[in-house]
Amino acid sequence: MRPYAKWEWTLPSGVMTKETLRRAHSVAHSNPMGPVYLMLPRETLTQTWDKAAMRPFPRERYGAVSAGAAAVAQVYH
């Protein structure tokens, strides 16, 4: 999948689930948009973990990015 996906990742720990899903969403929806591939090992998905150990990853801070450019007036000023 690596040559066909914009980003690929194997979930190493259940504690990183939120971070991994947010990163996958951000990469997939950033310009240019493209597919991402996540591998979620069965062993990792069956683990139990402390919810307090999982940090929040809000869309406002960790969302998709788009290409930007400087304003023409600022460039030729």
PDB file of N, CA and C in Angstrom:
ATOM      1  N   MET A   1       0.804  -1.199   0.000  1.00  0.00           N
ATOM      2  CA  MET A   1       0.000   0.000   0.000  1.00  0.00           C
ATOM      3  C   MET A   1       0.849   1.266   0.000  1.00  0.00           C
ATOM      4  N   ARG A   2       2.047   1.185   0.472  1.00  0.00           N
ATOM      5  CA  ARG A   2       2.874   2.385   0.632  1.00  0.00           C
ATOM      6  C   ARG A   2       2.966   3.245  -0.623  1.00  0.00           C
ATOM      7  N   PRO A   3       3.166   2.683  -1.809  1.00  0.00           N
ATOM      8  CA  PRO A   3       3.265   3.552  -2.988  1.00  0.00           C
ATOM      9  C   PRO A   3       1.947   4.209  -3.377  1.00  0.00           C
ATOM     10  N   TYR A   4       0.833   3.698  -2.902  1.00  0.00           N
ATOM     11  CA  TYR A   4      -0.472   4.195  -3.322  1.00  0.00           C
ATOM     12  C   TYR A   4      -1.153   5.073  -2.289  1.00  0.00           C
ATOM     13  N   ALA A   5      -0.619   5.145  -1.099  1.00  0.00           N
ATOM     14  CA  ALA A   5      -1.246   5.929  -0.037  1.00  0.00           C
ATOM     15  C   ALA A   5      -0.390   7.158   0.267  1.00  0.00           C
ATOM     16  N   LYS A   6      -1.050   8.174   0.709  1.00  0.00           N
ATOM     17  CA  LYS A   6      -0.367   9.404   1.086  1.00  0.00           C
ATOM     18  C   LYS A   6       0.379   9.220   2.406  1.00  0.00           C
ATOM     19  N   TRP A   7      -0.152   8.355   3.246  1.00  0.00           N
ATOM     20  CA  TRP A   7       0.440   8.087   4.563  1.00  0.00           C
ATOM     21  C   TRP A   7       0.009   6.703   4.990  1.00  0.00           C
ATOM     22  N   GLU A   8       0.895   5.931   5.592  1.00  0.00           N
ATOM     23  CA  GLU A   8       0.537   4.612   6.129  1.00  0.00           C
ATOM     24  C   GLU A   8       1.134   4.479   7.506  1.00  0.00           C
ATOM     25  N   TRP A   9       0.436   3.745   8.364  1.00  0.00           N
ATOM     26  CA  TRP A   9       0.869   3.649   9.754  1.00  0.00           C
ATOM     27  C   TRP A   9       0.331   2.377  10.376  1.00  0.00           C
ATOM     28  N   THR A  10       1.104   1.775  11.259  1.00  0.00           N
ATOM     29  CA  THR A  10       0.666   0.640  12.059  1.00  0.00           C
ATOM     30  C   THR A  10       0.483   1.120  13.488  1.00  0.00           C
ATOM     31  N   LEU A  11      -0.688   0.913  14.035  1.00  0.00           N
ATOM     32  CA  LEU A  11      -0.979   1.349  15.392  1.00  0.00           C
ATOM     33  C   LEU A  11      -0.159   0.526  16.376  1.00  0.00           C
ATOM     34  N   PRO A  12       0.805   1.155  17.077  1.00  0.00           N
ATOM     35  CA  PRO A  12       1.663   0.394  17.975  1.00  0.00           C
ATOM     36  C   PRO A  12       1.048   0.132  19.346  1.00  0.00           C
ATOM     37  N   SER A  13       0.098   0.996  19.759  1.00  0.00           N
ATOM     38  CA  SER A  13      -0.481   0.878  21.084  1.00  0.00           C
ATOM     39  C   SER A  13      -1.873   1.488  21.081  1.00  0.00           C
ATOM     40  N   GLY A  14      -2.764   0.923  21.864  1.00  0.00           N
ATOM     41  CA  GLY A  14      -4.116   1.456  21.954  1.00  0.00           C
ATOM     42  C   GLY A  14      -4.165   2.850  22.528  1.00  0.00           C
ATOM     43  N   VAL A  15      -3.154   3.223  23.303  1.00  0.00           N
ATOM     44  CA  VAL A  15      -3.103   4.563  23.883  1.00  0.00           C
ATOM     45  C   VAL A  15      -2.987   5.611  22.774  1.00  0.00           C
ATOM     46  N   MET A  16      -2.437   5.236  21.647  1.00  0.00           N
ATOM     47  CA  MET A  16      -2.238   6.174  20.546  1.00  0.00           C
ATOM     48  C   MET A  16      -3.398   6.203  19.558  1.00  0.00           C
ATOM     49  N   THR A  17      -4.518   5.576  19.884  1.00  0.00           N
ATOM     50  CA  THR A  17      -5.636   5.482  18.947  1.00  0.00           C
ATOM     51  C   THR A  17      -6.155   6.847  18.525  1.00  0.00           C
ATOM     52  N   LYS A  18      -6.449   7.721  19.474  1.00  0.00           N
ATOM     53  CA  LYS A  18      -6.971   9.043  19.138  1.00  0.00           C
ATOM     54  C   LYS A  18      -5.988   9.829  18.279  1.00  0.00           C
ATOM     55  N   GLU A  19      -4.731   9.819  18.686  1.00  0.00           N
ATOM     56  CA  GLU A  19      -3.707  10.547  17.947  1.00  0.00           C
ATOM     57  C   GLU A  19      -3.579  10.014  16.526  1.00  0.00           C
ATOM     58  N   THR A  20      -3.575   8.698  16.380  1.00  0.00           N
ATOM     59  CA  THR A  20      -3.419   8.084  15.068  1.00  0.00           C
ATOM     60  C   THR A  20      -4.602   8.389  14.166  1.00  0.00           C
ATOM     61  N   LEU A  21      -5.819   8.285  14.688  1.00  0.00           N
ATOM     62  CA  LEU A  21      -6.995   8.582  13.874  1.00  0.00           C
ATOM     63  C   LEU A  21      -7.042  10.052  13.482  1.00  0.00           C
ATOM     64  N   ARG A  22      -6.674  10.941  14.386  1.00  0.00           N
ATOM     65  CA  ARG A  22      -6.653  12.368  14.056  1.00  0.00           C
ATOM     66  C   ARG A  22      -5.613  12.658  12.993  1.00  0.00           C
ATOM     67  N   ARG A  23      -4.440  12.054  13.136  1.00  0.00           N
ATOM     68  CA  ARG A  23      -3.374  12.263  12.144  1.00  0.00           C
ATOM     69  C   ARG A  23      -3.784  11.728  10.784  1.00  0.00           C
ATOM     70  N   ALA A  24      -4.377  10.558  10.755  1.00  0.00           N
ATOM     71  CA  ALA A  24      -4.828   9.977   9.483  1.00  0.00           C
ATOM     72  C   ALA A  24      -5.862  10.882   8.824  1.00  0.00           C
ATOM     73  N   HIS A  25      -6.807  11.382   9.589  1.00  0.00           N
ATOM     74  CA  HIS A  25      -7.829  12.276   9.046  1.00  0.00           C
ATOM     75  C   HIS A  25      -7.200  13.567   8.531  1.00  0.00           C
ATOM     76  N   SER A  26      -6.284  14.139   9.289  1.00  0.00           N
ATOM     77  CA  SER A  26      -5.634  15.383   8.877  1.00  0.00           C
ATOM     78  C   SER A  26      -4.844  15.213   7.593  1.00  0.00           C
ATOM     79  N   VAL A  27      -4.089  14.144   7.501  1.00  0.00           N
ATOM     80  CA  VAL A  27      -3.286  13.903   6.305  1.00  0.00           C
ATOM     81  C   VAL A  27      -4.188  13.648   5.097  1.00  0.00           C
ATOM     82  N   ALA A  28      -5.219  12.852   5.264  1.00  0.00           N
ATOM     83  CA  ALA A  28      -6.115  12.525   4.154  1.00  0.00           C
ATOM     84  C   ALA A  28      -6.834  13.759   3.617  1.00  0.00           C
ATOM     85  N   HIS A  29      -7.157  14.696   4.487  1.00  0.00           N
ATOM     86  CA  HIS A  29      -7.929  15.866   4.074  1.00  0.00           C
ATOM     87  C   HIS A  29      -7.075  17.100   3.811  1.00  0.00           C
ATOM     88  N   SER A  30      -5.762  16.981   3.933  1.00  0.00           N
ATOM     89  CA  SER A  30      -4.874  18.099   3.610  1.00  0.00           C
ATOM     90  C   SER A  30      -4.607  18.107   2.110  1.00  0.00           C
ATOM     91  N   ASN A  31      -4.331  19.289   1.586  1.00  0.00           N
ATOM     92  CA  ASN A  31      -4.067  19.415   0.145  1.00  0.00           C
ATOM     93  C   ASN A  31      -2.708  18.839  -0.211  1.00  0.00           C
ATOM     94  N   PRO A  32      -2.592  18.081  -1.260  1.00  0.00           N
ATOM     95  CA  PRO A  32      -3.670  17.484  -2.042  1.00  0.00           C
ATOM     96  C   PRO A  32      -4.250  16.294  -1.280  1.00  0.00           C
ATOM     97  N   MET A  33      -5.573  16.173  -1.314  1.00  0.00           N
ATOM     98  CA  MET A  33      -6.235  15.086  -0.591  1.00  0.00           C
ATOM     99  C   MET A  33      -5.842  13.739  -1.187  1.00  0.00           C
ATOM    100  N   GLY A  34      -5.788  12.740  -0.323  1.00  0.00           N
ATOM    101  CA  GLY A  34      -5.427  11.411  -0.800  1.00  0.00           C
ATOM    102  C   GLY A  34      -5.700  10.363   0.251  1.00  0.00           C
ATOM    103  N   PRO A  35      -5.604   9.097  -0.139  1.00  0.00           N
ATOM    104  CA  PRO A  35      -5.907   8.011   0.796  1.00  0.00           C
ATOM    105  C   PRO A  35      -4.791   7.787   1.812  1.00  0.00           C
ATOM    106  N   VAL A  36      -5.186   7.315   2.970  1.00  0.00           N
ATOM    107  CA  VAL A  36      -4.245   6.890   3.998  1.00  0.00           C
ATOM    108  C   VAL A  36      -4.556   5.439   4.323  1.00  0.00           C
ATOM    109  N   TYR A  37      -3.584   4.742   4.869  1.00  0.00           N
ATOM    110  CA  TYR A  37      -3.760   3.317   5.171  1.00  0.00           C
ATOM    111  C   TYR A  37      -3.315   3.062   6.596  1.00  0.00           C
ATOM    112  N   LEU A  38      -4.246   2.609   7.418  1.00  0.00           N
ATOM    113  CA  LEU A  38      -3.932   2.288   8.808  1.00  0.00           C
ATOM    114  C   LEU A  38      -3.978   0.785   9.010  1.00  0.00           C
ATOM    115  N   MET A  39      -2.968   0.258   9.674  1.00  0.00           N
ATOM    116  CA  MET A  39      -2.961  -1.148  10.034  1.00  0.00           C
ATOM    117  C   MET A  39      -3.221  -1.230  11.531  1.00  0.00           C
ATOM    118  N   LEU A  40      -4.273  -1.919  11.897  1.00  0.00           N
ATOM    119  CA  LEU A  40      -4.673  -2.027  13.292  1.00  0.00           C
ATOM    120  C   LEU A  40      -4.549  -3.486  13.723  1.00  0.00           C
ATOM    121  N   PRO A  41      -3.416  -3.866  14.293  1.00  0.00           N
ATOM    122  CA  PRO A  41      -3.212  -5.251  14.702  1.00  0.00           C
ATOM    123  C   PRO A  41      -4.256  -5.696  15.732  1.00  0.00           C
ATOM    124  N   ARG A  42      -4.706  -6.899  15.582  1.00  0.00           N
ATOM    125  CA  ARG A  42      -5.712  -7.464  16.488  1.00  0.00           C
ATOM    126  C   ARG A  42      -5.238  -7.410  17.936  1.00  0.00           C
ATOM    127  N   GLU A  43      -3.976  -7.713  18.153  1.00  0.00           N
ATOM    128  CA  GLU A  43      -3.437  -7.710  19.512  1.00  0.00           C
ATOM    129  C   GLU A  43      -3.533  -6.320  20.137  1.00  0.00           C
ATOM    130  N   THR A  44      -3.266  -5.302  19.351  1.00  0.00           N
ATOM    131  CA  THR A  44      -3.334  -3.931  19.845  1.00  0.00           C
ATOM    132  C   THR A  44      -4.771  -3.534  20.152  1.00  0.00           C
ATOM    133  N   LEU A  45      -5.696  -3.935  19.298  1.00  0.00           N
ATOM    134  CA  LEU A  45      -7.095  -3.565  19.484  1.00  0.00           C
ATOM    135  C   LEU A  45      -7.744  -4.262  20.663  1.00  0.00           C
ATOM    136  N   THR A  46      -7.203  -5.385  21.094  1.00  0.00           N
ATOM    137  CA  THR A  46      -7.791  -6.107  22.224  1.00  0.00           C
ATOM    138  C   THR A  46      -7.196  -5.700  23.569  1.00  0.00           C
ATOM    139  N   GLN A  47      -6.198  -4.844  23.554  1.00  0.00           N
ATOM    140  CA  GLN A  47      -5.595  -4.373  24.805  1.00  0.00           C
ATOM    141  C   GLN A  47      -6.571  -3.477  25.557  1.00  0.00           C
ATOM    142  N   THR A  48      -6.387  -3.387  26.833  1.00  0.00           N
ATOM    143  CA  THR A  48      -7.119  -2.407  27.637  1.00  0.00           C
ATOM    144  C   THR A  48      -6.119  -1.352  28.089  1.00  0.00           C
ATOM    145  N   TRP A  49      -6.585  -0.129  28.226  1.00  0.00           N
ATOM    146  CA  TRP A  49      -5.701   0.944  28.635  1.00  0.00           C
ATOM    147  C   TRP A  49      -6.504   1.982  29.409  1.00  0.00           C
ATOM    148  N   ASP A  50      -5.788   2.805  30.118  1.00  0.00           N
ATOM    149  CA  ASP A  50      -6.380   3.853  30.936  1.00  0.00           C
ATOM    150  C   ASP A  50      -6.797   5.015  30.035  1.00  0.00           C
ATOM    151  N   LYS A  51      -8.070   5.377  30.072  1.00  0.00           N
ATOM    152  CA  LYS A  51      -8.551   6.474  29.228  1.00  0.00           C
ATOM    153  C   LYS A  51      -7.878   7.797  29.566  1.00  0.00           C
ATOM    154  N   ALA A  52      -7.442   7.957  30.799  1.00  0.00           N
ATOM    155  CA  ALA A  52      -6.755   9.188  31.201  1.00  0.00           C
ATOM    156  C   ALA A  52      -5.404   9.323  30.501  1.00  0.00           C
ATOM    157  N   ALA A  53      -4.832   8.223  30.046  1.00  0.00           N
ATOM    158  CA  ALA A  53      -3.541   8.260  29.368  1.00  0.00           C
ATOM    159  C   ALA A  53      -3.670   8.746  27.922  1.00  0.00           C
ATOM    160  N   MET A  54      -4.889   8.764  27.395  1.00  0.00           N
ATOM    161  CA  MET A  54      -5.103   9.187  26.008  1.00  0.00           C
ATOM    162  C   MET A  54      -5.400  10.677  25.972  1.00  0.00           C
ATOM    163  N   ARG A  55      -4.549  11.422  25.307  1.00  0.00           N
ATOM    164  CA  ARG A  55      -4.733  12.868  25.193  1.00  0.00           C
ATOM    165  C   ARG A  55      -5.798  13.185  24.154  1.00  0.00           C
ATOM    166  N   PRO A  56      -6.486  14.323  24.277  1.00  0.00           N
ATOM    167  CA  PRO A  56      -7.447  14.724  23.246  1.00  0.00           C
ATOM    168  C   PRO A  56      -6.707  15.351  22.052  1.00  0.00           C
ATOM    169  N   PHE A  57      -7.250  15.179  20.883  1.00  0.00           N
ATOM    170  CA  PHE A  57      -6.678  15.750  19.672  1.00  0.00           C
ATOM    171  C   PHE A  57      -7.791  16.451  18.897  1.00  0.00           C
ATOM    172  N   PRO A  58      -8.144  17.693  19.305  1.00  0.00           N
ATOM    173  CA  PRO A  58      -9.266  18.389  18.683  1.00  0.00           C
ATOM    174  C   PRO A  58      -8.975  18.807  17.240  1.00  0.00           C
ATOM    175  N   ARG A  59     -10.019  18.799  16.438  1.00  0.00           N
ATOM    176  CA  ARG A  59      -9.911  19.160  15.028  1.00  0.00           C
ATOM    177  C   ARG A  59      -9.386  20.586  14.858  1.00  0.00           C
ATOM    178  N   GLU A  60      -9.787  21.487  15.735  1.00  0.00           N
ATOM    179  CA  GLU A  60      -9.379  22.879  15.617  1.00  0.00           C
ATOM    180  C   GLU A  60      -7.857  23.045  15.648  1.00  0.00           C
ATOM    181  N   ARG A  61      -7.209  22.201  16.406  1.00  0.00           N
ATOM    182  CA  ARG A  61      -5.750  22.315  16.523  1.00  0.00           C
ATOM    183  C   ARG A  61      -5.006  21.355  15.615  1.00  0.00           C
ATOM    184  N   TYR A  62      -5.551  20.173  15.413  1.00  0.00           N
ATOM    185  CA  TYR A  62      -4.847  19.138  14.658  1.00  0.00           C
ATOM    186  C   TYR A  62      -5.569  18.770  13.371  1.00  0.00           C
ATOM    187  N   GLY A  63      -6.330  19.675  12.814  1.00  0.00           N
ATOM    188  CA  GLY A  63      -7.101  19.399  11.610  1.00  0.00           C
ATOM    189  C   GLY A  63      -6.264  19.469  10.349  1.00  0.00           C
ATOM    190  N   ALA A  64      -6.951  19.333   9.225  1.00  0.00           N
ATOM    191  CA  ALA A  64      -6.304  19.361   7.913  1.00  0.00           C
ATOM    192  C   ALA A  64      -5.711  20.736   7.635  1.00  0.00           C
ATOM    193  N   VAL A  65      -4.708  20.772   6.799  1.00  0.00           N
ATOM    194  CA  VAL A  65      -4.095  22.032   6.385  1.00  0.00           C
ATOM    195  C   VAL A  65      -4.275  22.186   4.885  1.00  0.00           C
ATOM    196  N   SER A  66      -4.250  23.423   4.435  1.00  0.00           N
ATOM    197  CA  SER A  66      -4.363  23.672   2.999  1.00  0.00           C
ATOM    198  C   SER A  66      -3.192  24.535   2.562  1.00  0.00           C
ATOM    199  N   ALA A  67      -2.922  24.477   1.287  1.00  0.00           N
ATOM    200  CA  ALA A  67      -1.820  25.271   0.753  1.00  0.00           C
ATOM    201  C   ALA A  67      -2.157  26.744   0.895  1.00  0.00           C
ATOM    202  N   GLY A  68      -1.193  27.521   1.220  1.00  0.00           N
ATOM    203  CA  GLY A  68      -1.407  28.947   1.382  1.00  0.00           C
ATOM    204  C   GLY A  68      -0.401  29.728   0.576  1.00  0.00           C
ATOM    205  N   ALA A  69      -0.645  31.001   0.478  1.00  0.00           N
ATOM    206  CA  ALA A  69       0.275  31.874  -0.255  1.00  0.00           C
ATOM    207  C   ALA A  69       0.216  33.251   0.373  1.00  0.00           C
ATOM    208  N   ALA A  70       1.244  34.012   0.158  1.00  0.00           N
ATOM    209  CA  ALA A  70       1.272  35.372   0.655  1.00  0.00           C
ATOM    210  C   ALA A  70       0.366  36.250  -0.210  1.00  0.00           C
ATOM    211  N   ALA A  71      -0.194  37.270   0.405  1.00  0.00           N
ATOM    212  CA  ALA A  71      -1.037  38.207  -0.341  1.00  0.00           C
ATOM    213  C   ALA A  71      -0.186  38.950  -1.355  1.00  0.00           C
ATOM    214  N   VAL A  72      -0.718  39.156  -2.543  1.00  0.00           N
ATOM    215  CA  VAL A  72       0.036  39.820  -3.608  1.00  0.00           C
ATOM    216  C   VAL A  72       0.489  41.204  -3.176  1.00  0.00           C
ATOM    217  N   ALA A  73      -0.351  41.920  -2.459  1.00  0.00           N
ATOM    218  CA  ALA A  73       0.005  43.272  -2.005  1.00  0.00           C
ATOM    219  C   ALA A  73       1.220  43.239  -1.082  1.00  0.00           C
ATOM    220  N   GLN A  74       1.352  42.207  -0.285  1.00  0.00           N
ATOM    221  CA  GLN A  74       2.488  42.100   0.621  1.00  0.00           C
ATOM    222  C   GLN A  74       3.770  41.719  -0.117  1.00  0.00           C
ATOM    223  N   VAL A  75       3.639  40.924  -1.149  1.00  0.00           N
ATOM    224  CA  VAL A  75       4.826  40.487  -1.911  1.00  0.00           C
ATOM    225  C   VAL A  75       5.428  41.648  -2.682  1.00  0.00           C
ATOM    226  N   TYR A  76       4.599  42.467  -3.290  1.00  0.00           N
ATOM    227  CA  TYR A  76       5.089  43.566  -4.137  1.00  0.00           C
ATOM    228  C   TYR A  76       5.098  44.906  -3.408  1.00  0.00           C
ATOM    229  N   HIS A  77       5.113  44.863  -2.109  1.00  0.00           N
ATOM    230  CA  HIS A  77       5.110  46.094  -1.331  1.00  0.00           C
ATOM    231  C   HIS A  77       6.488  46.657  -1.203  1.00  0.00           C
TER     232      HIS A  77
END
